[in-house]
Amino acid sequence: MKCNFDRGRMFTVDNMDNAETAGLAFGRLASEFIRTKVAPEVDAFRFASYGAGIF
């Protein structure tokens, strides 16, 4: 199922922080965002679509 909207986000991570942690700074930021924001929103969209009969 494909969402009918585009949700763009931009994050700012200091280059030195990211370099010092070998890329972990951005990786942790992205994984936390996906876990707390993206996954629940996609689940809600999916369940709403199922309930509306749109497959």
C-alpha atoms as a PDB file:
ATOM      1  CA  MET A   1       0.000   0.000   0.000  1.00  0.00           C
ATOM      2  CA  LYS A   2       1.318   3.432  -0.902  1.00  0.00           C
ATOM      3  CA  CYS A   3       0.508   6.552   1.109  1.00  0.00           C
ATOM      4  CA  ASN A   4      -1.332   9.317  -0.701  1.00  0.00           C
ATOM      5  CA  PHE A   5       0.829  12.037   0.850  1.00  0.00           C
ATOM      6  CA  ASP A   6       4.468  13.013   1.104  1.00  0.00           C
ATOM      7  CA  ARG A   7       5.896  13.781   4.512  1.00  0.00           C
ATOM      8  CA  GLY A   8       9.211  15.549   4.220  1.00  0.00           C
ATOM      9  CA  ARG A   9      11.455  16.215   7.210  1.00  0.00           C
ATOM     10  CA  MET A  10      14.892  17.744   7.482  1.00  0.00           C
ATOM     11  CA  PHE A  11      17.322  17.103  10.321  1.00  0.00           C
ATOM     12  CA  THR A  12      20.422  19.038  11.233  1.00  0.00           C
ATOM     13  CA  VAL A  13      23.323  17.049  12.646  1.00  0.00           C
ATOM     14  CA  ASP A  14      26.665  18.682  13.299  1.00  0.00           C
ATOM     15  CA  ASN A  15      29.263  17.256  10.892  1.00  0.00           C
ATOM     16  CA  MET A  16      31.907  16.978  13.601  1.00  0.00           C
ATOM     17  CA  ASP A  17      29.557  15.142  15.970  1.00  0.00           C
ATOM     18  CA  ASN A  18      28.599  12.744  13.223  1.00  0.00           C
ATOM     19  CA  ALA A  19      32.231  12.203  12.192  1.00  0.00           C
ATOM     20  CA  GLU A  20      33.381  11.691  15.787  1.00  0.00           C
ATOM     21  CA  THR A  21      30.757   9.018  16.349  1.00  0.00           C
ATOM     22  CA  ALA A  22      31.411   7.317  12.983  1.00  0.00           C
ATOM     23  CA  GLY A  23      27.915   8.151  11.736  1.00  0.00           C
ATOM     24  CA  LEU A  24      26.093   7.009  14.860  1.00  0.00           C
ATOM     25  CA  ALA A  25      24.703  10.472  15.626  1.00  0.00           C
ATOM     26  CA  PHE A  26      22.588  10.562  12.477  1.00  0.00           C
ATOM     27  CA  GLY A  27      21.798   6.861  12.668  1.00  0.00           C
ATOM     28  CA  ARG A  28      20.397   7.153  16.171  1.00  0.00           C
ATOM     29  CA  LEU A  29      18.442  10.273  15.265  1.00  0.00           C
ATOM     30  CA  ALA A  30      16.914   8.605  12.218  1.00  0.00           C
ATOM     31  CA  SER A  31      16.092   5.353  14.012  1.00  0.00           C
ATOM     32  CA  GLU A  32      14.394   7.183  16.892  1.00  0.00           C
ATOM     33  CA  PHE A  33      12.346   9.273  14.452  1.00  0.00           C
ATOM     34  CA  ILE A  34      11.246   6.183  12.536  1.00  0.00           C
ATOM     35  CA  ARG A  35      10.378   4.307  15.728  1.00  0.00           C
ATOM     36  CA  THR A  36       8.405   7.097  17.400  1.00  0.00           C
ATOM     37  CA  LYS A  37       6.885   9.017  14.472  1.00  0.00           C
ATOM     38  CA  VAL A  38       6.924   7.204  11.136  1.00  0.00           C
ATOM     39  CA  ALA A  39       5.897   3.674  12.120  1.00  0.00           C
ATOM     40  CA  PRO A  40       2.849   4.735  14.202  1.00  0.00           C
ATOM     41  CA  GLU A  41       1.714   7.129  11.467  1.00  0.00           C
ATOM     42  CA  VAL A  42       1.988   4.476   8.753  1.00  0.00           C
ATOM     43  CA  ASP A  43       0.110   2.002  10.965  1.00  0.00           C
ATOM     44  CA  ALA A  44      -2.678   4.544  11.568  1.00  0.00           C
ATOM     45  CA  PHE A  45      -2.904   5.265   7.836  1.00  0.00           C
ATOM     46  CA  ARG A  46      -3.028   1.562   7.032  1.00  0.00           C
ATOM     47  CA  PHE A  47      -5.765   0.810   9.585  1.00  0.00           C
ATOM     48  CA  ALA A  48      -7.818   3.806   8.451  1.00  0.00           C
ATOM     49  CA  SER A  49      -7.528   2.619   4.851  1.00  0.00           C
ATOM     50  CA  TYR A  50      -8.616  -0.880   5.820  1.00  0.00           C
ATOM     51  CA  GLY A  51     -11.580   0.517   7.726  1.00  0.00           C
ATOM     52  CA  ALA A  52     -12.624   2.696   4.783  1.00  0.00           C
ATOM     53  CA  GLY A  53     -12.446  -0.283   2.418  1.00  0.00           C
ATOM     54  CA  ILE A  54      -9.602   1.197   0.321  1.00  0.00           C
ATOM     55  CA  PHE A  55      -7.138  -1.548  -0.556  1.00  0.00           C
END
